[in-house]
């Protein structure tokens, strides 16, 4: 299972991330704030904490490979 930090980082690189409407976010600035972007807020994230497009592991693998290239 990906950590909360990883779930936030994935949204930067995932072409399919789409934030769901969240009634808990009261104003527009909260809805567009980068701090709230996370797989947990994506329309493709299911109640059983999985990506219905099965992209979490793929994106994390790409991130790991990118980090290897930088070092």
PDB file of N, CA and C in Angstrom:
ATOM      1  N   UNK A   1       0.839  -1.177   0.000  1.00  0.00           N
ATOM      2  CA  UNK A   1       0.000   0.000   0.000  1.00  0.00           C
ATOM      3  C   UNK A   1       0.887   1.244   0.000  1.00  0.00           C
ATOM      4  N   UNK A   2       0.542   2.194  -0.820  1.00  0.00           N
ATOM      5  CA  UNK A   2       1.294   3.444  -0.913  1.00  0.00           C
ATOM      6  C   UNK A   2       1.032   4.308   0.320  1.00  0.00           C
ATOM      7  N   UNK A   3       2.039   5.062   0.702  1.00  0.00           N
ATOM      8  CA  UNK A   3       1.892   5.973   1.838  1.00  0.00           C
ATOM      9  C   UNK A   3       1.120   7.220   1.405  1.00  0.00           C
ATOM     10  N   UNK A   4       0.691   8.003   2.385  1.00  0.00           N
ATOM     11  CA  UNK A   4      -0.021   9.247   2.080  1.00  0.00           C
ATOM     12  C   UNK A   4       0.863  10.182   1.256  1.00  0.00           C
ATOM     13  N   UNK A   5       2.138  10.233   1.570  1.00  0.00           N
ATOM     14  CA  UNK A   5       3.088  11.067   0.811  1.00  0.00           C
ATOM     15  C   UNK A   5       3.157  10.600  -0.644  1.00  0.00           C
ATOM     16  N   UNK A   6       3.234   9.310  -0.856  1.00  0.00           N
ATOM     17  CA  UNK A   6       3.275   8.776  -2.211  1.00  0.00           C
ATOM     18  C   UNK A   6       1.975   9.064  -2.957  1.00  0.00           C
ATOM     19  N   UNK A   7       0.841   8.938  -2.279  1.00  0.00           N
ATOM     20  CA  UNK A   7      -0.444   9.205  -2.909  1.00  0.00           C
ATOM     21  C   UNK A   7      -0.559  10.664  -3.348  1.00  0.00           C
ATOM     22  N   UNK A   8       0.120  11.568  -2.622  1.00  0.00           N
ATOM     23  CA  UNK A   8       0.133  12.975  -3.030  1.00  0.00           C
ATOM     24  C   UNK A   8       1.070  13.187  -4.216  1.00  0.00           C
ATOM     25  N   UNK A   9       2.231  12.545  -4.189  1.00  0.00           N
ATOM     26  CA  UNK A   9       3.201  12.706  -5.281  1.00  0.00           C
ATOM     27  C   UNK A   9       2.689  12.133  -6.593  1.00  0.00           C
ATOM     28  N   UNK A  10       1.949  11.068  -6.522  1.00  0.00           N
ATOM     29  CA  UNK A  10       1.433  10.420  -7.730  1.00  0.00           C
ATOM     30  C   UNK A  10       0.611  11.397  -8.559  1.00  0.00           C
ATOM     31  N   UNK A  11      -0.149  12.270  -7.913  1.00  0.00           N
ATOM     32  CA  UNK A  11      -1.023  13.183  -8.654  1.00  0.00           C
ATOM     33  C   UNK A  11      -0.235  14.130  -9.553  1.00  0.00           C
ATOM     34  N   UNK A  12       1.011  14.387  -9.228  1.00  0.00           N
ATOM     35  CA  UNK A  12       1.848  15.263 -10.045  1.00  0.00           C
ATOM     36  C   UNK A  12       2.147  14.614 -11.400  1.00  0.00           C
ATOM     37  N   UNK A  13       2.290  13.294 -11.403  1.00  0.00           N
ATOM     38  CA  UNK A  13       2.720  12.572 -12.596  1.00  0.00           C
ATOM     39  C   UNK A  13       1.617  11.767 -13.281  1.00  0.00           C
ATOM     40  N   UNK A  14       0.477  11.659 -12.653  1.00  0.00           N
ATOM     41  CA  UNK A  14      -0.608  10.841 -13.210  1.00  0.00           C
ATOM     42  C   UNK A  14      -1.456  11.666 -14.176  1.00  0.00           C
ATOM     43  N   UNK A  15      -1.496  11.239 -15.426  1.00  0.00           N
ATOM     44  CA  UNK A  15      -2.280  11.938 -16.442  1.00  0.00           C
ATOM     45  C   UNK A  15      -3.782  11.760 -16.255  1.00  0.00           C
ATOM     46  N   UNK A  16      -4.176  10.817 -15.427  1.00  0.00           N
ATOM     47  CA  UNK A  16      -5.595  10.501 -15.252  1.00  0.00           C
ATOM     48  C   UNK A  16      -6.175  11.029 -13.950  1.00  0.00           C
ATOM     49  N   UNK A  17      -5.355  11.738 -13.155  1.00  0.00           N
ATOM     50  CA  UNK A  17      -5.862  12.290 -11.890  1.00  0.00           C
ATOM     51  C   UNK A  17      -6.968  13.293 -12.174  1.00  0.00           C
ATOM     52  N   UNK A  18      -8.089  13.102 -11.500  1.00  0.00           N
ATOM     53  CA  UNK A  18      -9.202  14.045 -11.612  1.00  0.00           C
ATOM     54  C   UNK A  18      -9.851  14.150 -10.234  1.00  0.00           C
ATOM     55  N   UNK A  19      -9.770  15.328  -9.666  1.00  0.00           N
ATOM     56  CA  UNK A  19     -10.296  15.531  -8.319  1.00  0.00           C
ATOM     57  C   UNK A  19     -11.808  15.371  -8.308  1.00  0.00           C
ATOM     58  N   UNK A  20     -12.287  14.688  -7.302  1.00  0.00           N
ATOM     59  CA  UNK A  20     -13.743  14.565  -7.142  1.00  0.00           C
ATOM     60  C   UNK A  20     -14.241  15.741  -6.327  1.00  0.00           C
ATOM     61  N   UNK A  21     -15.491  16.065  -6.512  1.00  0.00           N
ATOM     62  CA  UNK A  21     -16.099  17.118  -5.710  1.00  0.00           C
ATOM     63  C   UNK A  21     -16.143  16.651  -4.264  1.00  0.00           C
ATOM     64  N   UNK A  22     -15.691  17.494  -3.382  1.00  0.00           N
ATOM     65  CA  UNK A  22     -15.638  17.142  -1.967  1.00  0.00           C
ATOM     66  C   UNK A  22     -16.372  18.214  -1.174  1.00  0.00           C
ATOM     67  N   UNK A  23     -17.491  17.847  -0.605  1.00  0.00           N
ATOM     68  CA  UNK A  23     -18.281  18.812   0.153  1.00  0.00           C
ATOM     69  C   UNK A  23     -17.569  19.277   1.412  1.00  0.00           C
ATOM     70  N   UNK A  24     -16.560  18.534   1.851  1.00  0.00           N
ATOM     71  CA  UNK A  24     -15.809  18.926   3.035  1.00  0.00           C
ATOM     72  C   UNK A  24     -14.895  20.117   2.778  1.00  0.00           C
ATOM     73  N   UNK A  25     -14.601  20.393   1.515  1.00  0.00           N
ATOM     74  CA  UNK A  25     -13.783  21.551   1.185  1.00  0.00           C
ATOM     75  C   UNK A  25     -14.732  22.724   0.950  1.00  0.00           C
ATOM     76  N   UNK A  26     -14.615  23.723   1.787  1.00  0.00           N
ATOM     77  CA  UNK A  26     -15.622  24.770   1.843  1.00  0.00           C
ATOM     78  C   UNK A  26     -15.531  25.817   0.732  1.00  0.00           C
ATOM     79  N   UNK A  27     -14.322  26.166   0.280  1.00  0.00           N
ATOM     80  CA  UNK A  27     -14.247  27.225  -0.714  1.00  0.00           C
ATOM     81  C   UNK A  27     -13.377  26.815  -1.904  1.00  0.00           C
ATOM     82  N   UNK A  28     -13.422  27.617  -2.948  1.00  0.00           N
ATOM     83  CA  UNK A  28     -12.729  27.297  -4.189  1.00  0.00           C
ATOM     84  C   UNK A  28     -11.224  27.188  -3.993  1.00  0.00           C
ATOM     85  N   UNK A  29     -10.637  28.036  -3.145  1.00  0.00           N
ATOM     86  CA  UNK A  29      -9.190  27.983  -2.955  1.00  0.00           C
ATOM     87  C   UNK A  29      -8.775  26.640  -2.354  1.00  0.00           C
ATOM     88  N   UNK A  30      -9.592  26.061  -1.488  1.00  0.00           N
ATOM     89  CA  UNK A  30      -9.279  24.744  -0.939  1.00  0.00           C
ATOM     90  C   UNK A  30      -9.394  23.670  -2.011  1.00  0.00           C
ATOM     91  N   UNK A  31     -10.358  23.804  -2.906  1.00  0.00           N
ATOM     92  CA  UNK A  31     -10.551  22.799  -3.945  1.00  0.00           C
ATOM     93  C   UNK A  31      -9.402  22.786  -4.935  1.00  0.00           C
ATOM     94  N   UNK A  32      -8.765  23.927  -5.166  1.00  0.00           N
ATOM     95  CA  UNK A  32      -7.679  24.000  -6.140  1.00  0.00           C
ATOM     96  C   UNK A  32      -6.303  23.977  -5.483  1.00  0.00           C
ATOM     97  N   UNK A  33      -6.254  23.979  -4.184  1.00  0.00           N
ATOM     98  CA  UNK A  33      -4.989  23.980  -3.452  1.00  0.00           C
ATOM     99  C   UNK A  33      -4.243  22.665  -3.683  1.00  0.00           C
ATOM    100  N   UNK A  34      -2.966  22.758  -4.068  1.00  0.00           N
ATOM    101  CA  UNK A  34      -2.146  21.567  -4.345  1.00  0.00           C
ATOM    102  C   UNK A  34      -2.031  20.662  -3.126  1.00  0.00           C
ATOM    103  N   UNK A  35      -2.174  21.223  -1.916  1.00  0.00           N
ATOM    104  CA  UNK A  35      -2.063  20.400  -0.708  1.00  0.00           C
ATOM    105  C   UNK A  35      -3.174  19.366  -0.614  1.00  0.00           C
ATOM    106  N   UNK A  36      -4.271  19.583  -1.330  1.00  0.00           N
ATOM    107  CA  UNK A  36      -5.388  18.656  -1.255  1.00  0.00           C
ATOM    108  C   UNK A  36      -5.361  17.628  -2.376  1.00  0.00           C
ATOM    109  N   UNK A  37      -4.400  17.749  -3.309  1.00  0.00           N
ATOM    110  CA  UNK A  37      -4.317  16.768  -4.380  1.00  0.00           C
ATOM    111  C   UNK A  37      -3.687  15.491  -3.857  1.00  0.00           C
ATOM    112  N   UNK A  38      -4.419  14.411  -3.999  1.00  0.00           N
ATOM    113  CA  UNK A  38      -3.989  13.105  -3.548  1.00  0.00           C
ATOM    114  C   UNK A  38      -4.841  12.067  -4.265  1.00  0.00           C
ATOM    115  N   UNK A  39      -4.309  10.893  -4.443  1.00  0.00           N
ATOM    116  CA  UNK A  39      -5.112   9.817  -5.023  1.00  0.00           C
ATOM    117  C   UNK A  39      -6.402   9.634  -4.242  1.00  0.00           C
ATOM    118  N   UNK A  40      -6.330   9.893  -2.949  1.00  0.00           N
ATOM    119  CA  UNK A  40      -7.512   9.733  -2.102  1.00  0.00           C
ATOM    120  C   UNK A  40      -8.645  10.664  -2.522  1.00  0.00           C
ATOM    121  N   UNK A  41      -8.326  11.739  -3.230  1.00  0.00           N
ATOM    122  CA  UNK A  41      -9.331  12.702  -3.679  1.00  0.00           C
ATOM    123  C   UNK A  41      -9.668  12.531  -5.159  1.00  0.00           C
ATOM    124  N   UNK A  42      -9.156  11.494  -5.787  1.00  0.00           N
ATOM    125  CA  UNK A  42      -9.349  11.270  -7.218  1.00  0.00           C
ATOM    126  C   UNK A  42     -10.626  10.453  -7.465  1.00  0.00           C
ATOM    127  N   UNK A  43     -11.274  10.742  -8.591  1.00  0.00           N
ATOM    128  CA  UNK A  43     -12.500  10.006  -8.920  1.00  0.00           C
ATOM    129  C   UNK A  43     -12.232   8.531  -9.192  1.00  0.00           C
ATOM    130  N   UNK A  44     -10.990   8.162  -9.466  1.00  0.00           N
ATOM    131  CA  UNK A  44     -10.652   6.770  -9.765  1.00  0.00           C
ATOM    132  C   UNK A  44     -10.230   5.970  -8.526  1.00  0.00           C
ATOM    133  N   UNK A  45     -10.183   6.622  -7.361  1.00  0.00           N
ATOM    134  CA  UNK A  45      -9.789   5.958  -6.119  1.00  0.00           C
ATOM    135  C   UNK A  45     -11.033   5.367  -5.477  1.00  0.00           C
ATOM    136  N   UNK A  46     -11.017   4.065  -5.235  1.00  0.00           N
ATOM    137  CA  UNK A  46     -12.206   3.369  -4.750  1.00  0.00           C
ATOM    138  C   UNK A  46     -12.290   3.368  -3.221  1.00  0.00           C
ATOM    139  N   UNK A  47     -13.426   2.939  -2.725  1.00  0.00           N
ATOM    140  CA  UNK A  47     -13.629   2.867  -1.273  1.00  0.00           C
ATOM    141  C   UNK A  47     -12.686   1.877  -0.603  1.00  0.00           C
ATOM    142  N   UNK A  48     -12.248   0.866  -1.342  1.00  0.00           N
ATOM    143  CA  UNK A  48     -11.297  -0.092  -0.760  1.00  0.00           C
ATOM    144  C   UNK A  48      -9.845   0.348  -0.968  1.00  0.00           C
ATOM    145  N   UNK A  49      -9.657   1.668  -1.225  1.00  0.00           N
ATOM    146  CA  UNK A  49      -8.352   2.321  -1.286  1.00  0.00           C
ATOM    147  C   UNK A  49      -7.465   1.798  -2.415  1.00  0.00           C
ATOM    148  N   UNK A  50      -8.073   1.642  -3.593  1.00  0.00           N
ATOM    149  CA  UNK A  50      -7.337   1.186  -4.766  1.00  0.00           C
ATOM    150  C   UNK A  50      -7.652   2.111  -5.937  1.00  0.00           C
ATOM    151  N   UNK A  51      -6.737   2.171  -6.876  1.00  0.00           N
ATOM    152  CA  UNK A  51      -6.977   2.922  -8.102  1.00  0.00           C
ATOM    153  C   UNK A  51      -7.704   1.996  -9.075  1.00  0.00           C
ATOM    154  N   UNK A  52      -8.888   2.399  -9.518  1.00  0.00           N
ATOM    155  CA  UNK A  52      -9.648   1.530 -10.425  1.00  0.00           C
ATOM    156  C   UNK A  52      -8.967   1.402 -11.789  1.00  0.00           C
ATOM    157  N   UNK A  53      -8.031   2.294 -12.097  1.00  0.00           N
ATOM    158  CA  UNK A  53      -7.262   2.205 -13.339  1.00  0.00           C
ATOM    159  C   UNK A  53      -5.951   1.454 -13.142  1.00  0.00           C
ATOM    160  N   UNK A  54      -5.689   1.032 -11.909  1.00  0.00           N
ATOM    161  CA  UNK A  54      -4.489   0.282 -11.546  1.00  0.00           C
ATOM    162  C   UNK A  54      -3.206   1.033 -11.922  1.00  0.00           C
ATOM    163  N   UNK A  55      -3.151   2.306 -11.562  1.00  0.00           N
ATOM    164  CA  UNK A  55      -2.014   3.145 -11.943  1.00  0.00           C
ATOM    165  C   UNK A  55      -1.035   3.439 -10.815  1.00  0.00           C
ATOM    166  N   UNK A  56      -1.396   3.180  -9.586  1.00  0.00           N
ATOM    167  CA  UNK A  56      -0.533   3.559  -8.457  1.00  0.00           C
ATOM    168  C   UNK A  56       0.849   2.913  -8.575  1.00  0.00           C
ATOM    169  N   UNK A  57       0.911   1.614  -8.748  1.00  0.00           N
ATOM    170  CA  UNK A  57       2.211   0.938  -8.835  1.00  0.00           C
ATOM    171  C   UNK A  57       2.986   1.375 -10.077  1.00  0.00           C
ATOM    172  N   UNK A  58       2.290   1.589 -11.187  1.00  0.00           N
ATOM    173  CA  UNK A  58       2.959   2.018 -12.420  1.00  0.00           C
ATOM    174  C   UNK A  58       3.596   3.393 -12.251  1.00  0.00           C
ATOM    175  N   UNK A  59       2.862   4.319 -11.657  1.00  0.00           N
ATOM    176  CA  UNK A  59       3.400   5.667 -11.462  1.00  0.00           C
ATOM    177  C   UNK A  59       4.533   5.639 -10.445  1.00  0.00           C
ATOM    178  N   UNK A  60       4.383   4.882  -9.367  1.00  0.00           N
ATOM    179  CA  UNK A  60       5.454   4.780  -8.374  1.00  0.00           C
ATOM    180  C   UNK A  60       6.711   4.172  -8.981  1.00  0.00           C
ATOM    181  N   UNK A  61       6.562   3.186  -9.847  1.00  0.00           N
ATOM    182  CA  UNK A  61       7.718   2.586 -10.516  1.00  0.00           C
ATOM    183  C   UNK A  61       8.424   3.616 -11.386  1.00  0.00           C
ATOM    184  N   UNK A  62       7.652   4.421 -12.095  1.00  0.00           N
ATOM    185  CA  UNK A  62       8.230   5.476 -12.934  1.00  0.00           C
ATOM    186  C   UNK A  62       8.977   6.496 -12.085  1.00  0.00           C
ATOM    187  N   UNK A  63       8.409   6.841 -10.939  1.00  0.00           N
ATOM    188  CA  UNK A  63       9.070   7.783 -10.029  1.00  0.00           C
ATOM    189  C   UNK A  63      10.380   7.210  -9.517  1.00  0.00           C
ATOM    190  N   UNK A  64      10.384   5.942  -9.163  1.00  0.00           N
ATOM    191  CA  UNK A  64      11.593   5.295  -8.659  1.00  0.00           C
ATOM    192  C   UNK A  64      12.669   5.264  -9.738  1.00  0.00           C
ATOM    193  N   UNK A  65      12.275   4.974 -10.974  1.00  0.00           N
ATOM    194  CA  UNK A  65      13.242   4.939 -12.055  1.00  0.00           C
ATOM    195  C   UNK A  65      13.811   6.335 -12.315  1.00  0.00           C
ATOM    196  N   UNK A  66      12.969   7.336 -12.222  1.00  0.00           N
ATOM    197  CA  UNK A  66      13.420   8.726 -12.405  1.00  0.00           C
ATOM    198  C   UNK A  66      14.436   9.093 -11.323  1.00  0.00           C
ATOM    199  N   UNK A  67      14.179   8.688 -10.083  1.00  0.00           N
ATOM    200  CA  UNK A  67      15.108   8.972  -8.996  1.00  0.00           C
ATOM    201  C   UNK A  67      16.444   8.264  -9.205  1.00  0.00           C
ATOM    202  N   UNK A  68      16.399   7.039  -9.730  1.00  0.00           N
ATOM    203  CA  UNK A  68      17.643   6.306 -10.013  1.00  0.00           C
ATOM    204  C   UNK A  68      18.477   7.029 -11.057  1.00  0.00           C
ATOM    205  N   UNK A  69      17.841   7.612 -12.052  1.00  0.00           N
ATOM    206  CA  UNK A  69      18.551   8.324 -13.106  1.00  0.00           C
ATOM    207  C   UNK A  69      19.203   9.593 -12.586  1.00  0.00           C
ATOM    208  N   UNK A  70      18.592  10.231 -11.582  1.00  0.00           N
ATOM    209  CA  UNK A  70      19.139  11.456 -11.013  1.00  0.00           C
ATOM    210  C   UNK A  70      20.333  11.190 -10.116  1.00  0.00           C
ATOM    211  N   UNK A  71      20.425   9.977  -9.556  1.00  0.00           N
ATOM    212  CA  UNK A  71      21.527   9.721  -8.615  1.00  0.00           C
ATOM    213  C   UNK A  71      22.733   9.140  -9.281  1.00  0.00           C
TER     214      UNK A  71
END
